Amino acid sequence: MTQEIVGGADLRGRIRDIISNELELAPGELTETGSFIDEYDADSLSLITIITRFEKELGIVLPKDEVAQLVDLTSVYTLVQQYTAGEPQSV
């Protein structure tokens, strides 16, 4: 039995939990399109910490220079999909 990695509900839930924890939000407060910086007062350090936790806890390696792409939960899902599906696609 294999587990779907990209876009699986379990993975999305784990991503949501990590981000909620790092931004000190209740899981229900985090929305798909809420801006991490504007709505949740995230800074670049908290976003780097999120990327580091993805690597440690989920085995997903996202380059630190992609921090600017992490603007909301939807963008995180998209970026994770790019880096777990093989070579990142140019934008």
N, C-alpha and C. Protein backbone atom coordinates (compact mmCIF):
# COMPACT_ATOMS: atom_id res chain seq x y z
N MET A 1 0.85 -1.18 0.00
CA MET A 1 0.00 0.00 0.00
C MET A 1 0.89 1.24 0.00
N THR A 2 0.71 2.11 -0.94
CA THR A 2 1.50 3.33 -0.99
C THR A 2 0.64 4.51 -0.62
N GLN A 3 1.30 5.50 -0.04
CA GLN A 3 0.59 6.71 0.38
C GLN A 3 0.81 7.78 -0.68
N GLU A 4 -0.25 8.46 -1.07
CA GLU A 4 -0.10 9.56 -2.01
C GLU A 4 0.59 10.70 -1.28
N ILE A 5 1.66 11.20 -1.88
CA ILE A 5 2.43 12.24 -1.23
C ILE A 5 1.97 13.62 -1.69
N VAL A 6 1.91 13.84 -2.97
CA VAL A 6 1.59 15.16 -3.49
C VAL A 6 0.10 15.40 -3.41
N GLY A 7 -0.28 16.42 -2.65
CA GLY A 7 -1.66 16.82 -2.59
C GLY A 7 -2.57 15.93 -1.77
N GLY A 8 -2.01 14.91 -1.12
CA GLY A 8 -2.83 14.04 -0.31
C GLY A 8 -3.41 14.80 0.88
N ALA A 9 -4.59 14.40 1.30
CA ALA A 9 -5.25 15.09 2.41
C ALA A 9 -4.41 15.02 3.68
N ASP A 10 -3.75 13.88 3.92
CA ASP A 10 -2.92 13.74 5.11
C ASP A 10 -1.75 14.73 5.07
N LEU A 11 -1.09 14.83 3.92
CA LEU A 11 0.03 15.75 3.78
C LEU A 11 -0.44 17.19 3.95
N ARG A 12 -1.54 17.52 3.32
CA ARG A 12 -2.08 18.89 3.45
C ARG A 12 -2.40 19.20 4.91
N GLY A 13 -2.93 18.24 5.62
CA GLY A 13 -3.23 18.44 7.04
C GLY A 13 -1.97 18.66 7.86
N ARG A 14 -0.94 17.90 7.55
CA ARG A 14 0.33 18.05 8.27
C ARG A 14 0.97 19.40 7.95
N ILE A 15 0.89 19.84 6.69
CA ILE A 15 1.41 21.15 6.30
C ILE A 15 0.65 22.24 7.06
N ARG A 16 -0.67 22.12 7.07
CA ARG A 16 -1.52 23.11 7.77
C ARG A 16 -1.16 23.16 9.26
N ASP A 17 -0.94 22.00 9.88
CA ASP A 17 -0.59 21.95 11.30
C ASP A 17 0.73 22.63 11.58
N ILE A 18 1.73 22.38 10.74
CA ILE A 18 3.04 23.01 10.92
C ILE A 18 2.93 24.52 10.82
N ILE A 19 2.24 24.99 9.79
CA ILE A 19 2.11 26.43 9.60
C ILE A 19 1.31 27.06 10.73
N SER A 20 0.22 26.44 11.13
CA SER A 20 -0.59 26.97 12.24
C SER A 20 0.24 27.06 13.51
N ASN A 21 1.03 26.02 13.76
CA ASN A 21 1.87 26.00 14.95
C ASN A 21 2.91 27.11 14.92
N GLU A 22 3.60 27.25 13.80
CA GLU A 22 4.65 28.26 13.68
C GLU A 22 4.10 29.69 13.76
N LEU A 23 2.91 29.90 13.22
CA LEU A 23 2.32 31.24 13.23
C LEU A 23 1.44 31.45 14.47
N GLU A 24 1.45 30.44 15.36
CA GLU A 24 0.70 30.49 16.61
C GLU A 24 -0.78 30.77 16.38
N LEU A 25 -1.37 29.99 15.47
CA LEU A 25 -2.78 30.10 15.13
C LEU A 25 -3.50 28.83 15.51
N ALA A 26 -4.77 28.98 15.83
CA ALA A 26 -5.62 27.80 15.98
C ALA A 26 -5.83 27.25 14.57
N PRO A 27 -5.87 25.93 14.37
CA PRO A 27 -6.01 25.38 13.02
C PRO A 27 -7.16 25.97 12.22
N GLY A 28 -8.26 26.31 12.85
CA GLY A 28 -9.39 26.89 12.14
C GLY A 28 -9.17 28.32 11.69
N GLU A 29 -8.18 29.02 12.24
CA GLU A 29 -7.90 30.40 11.86
C GLU A 29 -7.19 30.51 10.52
N LEU A 30 -6.44 29.50 10.15
CA LEU A 30 -5.65 29.52 8.93
C LEU A 30 -6.54 29.21 7.73
N THR A 31 -6.61 30.15 6.78
CA THR A 31 -7.41 29.94 5.58
C THR A 31 -6.50 29.67 4.39
N GLU A 32 -7.07 29.15 3.33
CA GLU A 32 -6.29 28.82 2.12
C GLU A 32 -5.63 30.06 1.50
N THR A 33 -6.32 31.21 1.56
CA THR A 33 -5.83 32.39 0.86
C THR A 33 -5.42 33.53 1.78
N GLY A 34 -5.43 33.29 3.09
CA GLY A 34 -5.01 34.34 4.03
C GLY A 34 -3.52 34.58 3.92
N SER A 35 -3.14 35.84 3.76
CA SER A 35 -1.74 36.22 3.61
C SER A 35 -0.97 35.98 4.92
N PHE A 36 0.10 35.20 4.83
CA PHE A 36 0.90 34.92 6.02
C PHE A 36 1.42 36.22 6.64
N ILE A 37 1.87 37.14 5.81
CA ILE A 37 2.47 38.37 6.31
C ILE A 37 1.41 39.38 6.73
N ASP A 38 0.45 39.65 5.85
CA ASP A 38 -0.54 40.69 6.12
C ASP A 38 -1.59 40.29 7.15
N GLU A 39 -2.04 39.05 7.12
CA GLU A 39 -3.11 38.63 8.02
C GLU A 39 -2.64 37.91 9.27
N TYR A 40 -1.48 37.23 9.18
CA TYR A 40 -1.02 36.42 10.31
C TYR A 40 0.30 36.89 10.91
N ASP A 41 0.77 38.07 10.47
CA ASP A 41 1.98 38.70 11.02
C ASP A 41 3.23 37.83 10.96
N ALA A 42 3.35 37.02 9.92
CA ALA A 42 4.56 36.21 9.74
C ALA A 42 5.71 37.11 9.30
N ASP A 43 6.92 36.69 9.59
CA ASP A 43 8.10 37.37 9.08
C ASP A 43 8.97 36.35 8.36
N SER A 44 10.06 36.81 7.76
CA SER A 44 10.88 35.90 6.97
C SER A 44 11.47 34.78 7.83
N LEU A 45 11.79 35.05 9.08
CA LEU A 45 12.33 34.01 9.95
C LEU A 45 11.31 32.90 10.20
N SER A 46 10.05 33.28 10.43
CA SER A 46 9.04 32.24 10.66
C SER A 46 8.81 31.42 9.40
N LEU A 47 8.91 32.05 8.23
CA LEU A 47 8.75 31.30 6.98
C LEU A 47 9.91 30.35 6.75
N ILE A 48 11.11 30.76 7.09
CA ILE A 48 12.27 29.88 6.98
C ILE A 48 12.13 28.71 7.96
N THR A 49 11.62 28.99 9.14
CA THR A 49 11.39 27.94 10.12
C THR A 49 10.37 26.93 9.60
N ILE A 50 9.35 27.40 8.92
CA ILE A 50 8.34 26.51 8.32
C ILE A 50 9.00 25.60 7.29
N ILE A 51 9.84 26.17 6.42
CA ILE A 51 10.54 25.37 5.41
C ILE A 51 11.43 24.32 6.08
N THR A 52 12.10 24.72 7.15
CA THR A 52 12.97 23.79 7.88
C THR A 52 12.17 22.66 8.50
N ARG A 53 11.01 22.96 9.04
CA ARG A 53 10.16 21.92 9.62
C ARG A 53 9.62 20.97 8.54
N PHE A 54 9.31 21.50 7.36
CA PHE A 54 8.88 20.63 6.26
C PHE A 54 9.97 19.61 5.97
N GLU A 55 11.22 20.07 5.94
CA GLU A 55 12.34 19.18 5.66
C GLU A 55 12.51 18.13 6.76
N LYS A 56 12.50 18.57 8.01
CA LYS A 56 12.72 17.65 9.13
C LYS A 56 11.56 16.69 9.35
N GLU A 57 10.34 17.20 9.31
CA GLU A 57 9.18 16.40 9.70
C GLU A 57 8.52 15.68 8.53
N LEU A 58 8.64 16.24 7.33
CA LEU A 58 7.95 15.66 6.19
C LEU A 58 8.89 15.14 5.11
N GLY A 59 10.18 15.46 5.22
CA GLY A 59 11.13 15.03 4.21
C GLY A 59 11.00 15.80 2.91
N ILE A 60 10.40 16.98 2.96
CA ILE A 60 10.22 17.81 1.77
C ILE A 60 11.24 18.93 1.81
N VAL A 61 12.11 18.98 0.81
CA VAL A 61 13.16 19.98 0.76
C VAL A 61 12.74 21.09 -0.20
N LEU A 62 12.57 22.28 0.37
CA LEU A 62 12.27 23.48 -0.42
C LEU A 62 13.44 24.43 -0.27
N PRO A 63 13.96 24.95 -1.37
CA PRO A 63 15.08 25.89 -1.27
C PRO A 63 14.71 27.12 -0.45
N LYS A 64 15.63 27.58 0.37
CA LYS A 64 15.38 28.76 1.20
C LYS A 64 15.07 30.00 0.36
N ASP A 65 15.58 30.03 -0.88
CA ASP A 65 15.30 31.20 -1.73
C ASP A 65 13.86 31.22 -2.26
N GLU A 66 13.08 30.19 -1.93
CA GLU A 66 11.66 30.14 -2.31
C GLU A 66 10.76 30.77 -1.25
N VAL A 67 11.35 31.30 -0.17
CA VAL A 67 10.56 31.88 0.91
C VAL A 67 9.59 32.93 0.38
N ALA A 68 10.01 33.74 -0.57
CA ALA A 68 9.15 34.79 -1.11
C ALA A 68 7.90 34.23 -1.78
N GLN A 69 7.94 32.96 -2.18
CA GLN A 69 6.79 32.34 -2.83
C GLN A 69 5.73 31.88 -1.82
N LEU A 70 6.10 31.82 -0.55
CA LEU A 70 5.17 31.34 0.48
C LEU A 70 4.33 32.51 0.98
N VAL A 71 3.26 32.80 0.27
CA VAL A 71 2.42 33.93 0.64
C VAL A 71 1.14 33.52 1.34
N ASP A 72 0.66 32.32 1.05
CA ASP A 72 -0.55 31.79 1.68
C ASP A 72 -0.52 30.27 1.58
N LEU A 73 -1.52 29.64 2.16
CA LEU A 73 -1.55 28.18 2.19
C LEU A 73 -1.61 27.57 0.80
N THR A 74 -2.36 28.19 -0.09
CA THR A 74 -2.46 27.69 -1.47
C THR A 74 -1.09 27.71 -2.15
N SER A 75 -0.33 28.77 -1.95
CA SER A 75 1.00 28.85 -2.57
C SER A 75 1.94 27.79 -1.98
N VAL A 76 1.77 27.46 -0.71
CA VAL A 76 2.59 26.41 -0.09
C VAL A 76 2.28 25.07 -0.74
N TYR A 77 0.99 24.76 -0.90
CA TYR A 77 0.61 23.50 -1.54
C TYR A 77 1.19 23.40 -2.95
N THR A 78 1.14 24.50 -3.69
CA THR A 78 1.66 24.52 -5.06
C THR A 78 3.17 24.29 -5.06
N LEU A 79 3.87 24.98 -4.18
CA LEU A 79 5.33 24.85 -4.12
C LEU A 79 5.74 23.44 -3.68
N VAL A 80 5.04 22.90 -2.70
CA VAL A 80 5.34 21.54 -2.24
C VAL A 80 5.12 20.56 -3.39
N GLN A 81 4.06 20.74 -4.13
CA GLN A 81 3.78 19.85 -5.26
C GLN A 81 4.90 19.93 -6.30
N GLN A 82 5.38 21.13 -6.57
CA GLN A 82 6.48 21.29 -7.54
C GLN A 82 7.73 20.54 -7.10
N TYR A 83 8.05 20.62 -5.82
CA TYR A 83 9.29 20.03 -5.33
C TYR A 83 9.16 18.57 -4.93
N THR A 84 7.96 18.04 -4.88
CA THR A 84 7.81 16.62 -4.59
C THR A 84 7.48 15.83 -5.86
N ALA A 85 7.16 16.54 -6.94
CA ALA A 85 6.81 15.88 -8.19
C ALA A 85 8.01 15.76 -9.13
N GLY A 86 9.17 16.19 -8.68
CA GLY A 86 10.35 16.14 -9.54
C GLY A 86 10.97 17.51 -9.63
N GLU A 87 11.54 17.80 -10.76
CA GLU A 87 12.21 19.08 -10.97
C GLU A 87 11.20 20.21 -10.90
N PRO A 88 11.58 21.32 -10.22
CA PRO A 88 10.68 22.46 -10.17
C PRO A 88 10.46 23.04 -11.56
N GLN A 89 9.23 23.50 -11.78
CA GLN A 89 8.90 24.09 -13.07
C GLN A 89 9.21 25.57 -13.01
N SER A 90 9.72 26.13 -14.10
CA SER A 90 10.00 27.54 -14.11
C SER A 90 8.70 28.32 -14.24
N VAL A 91 8.66 29.46 -13.60
CA VAL A 91 7.43 30.25 -13.56
C VAL A 91 7.50 31.36 -14.56
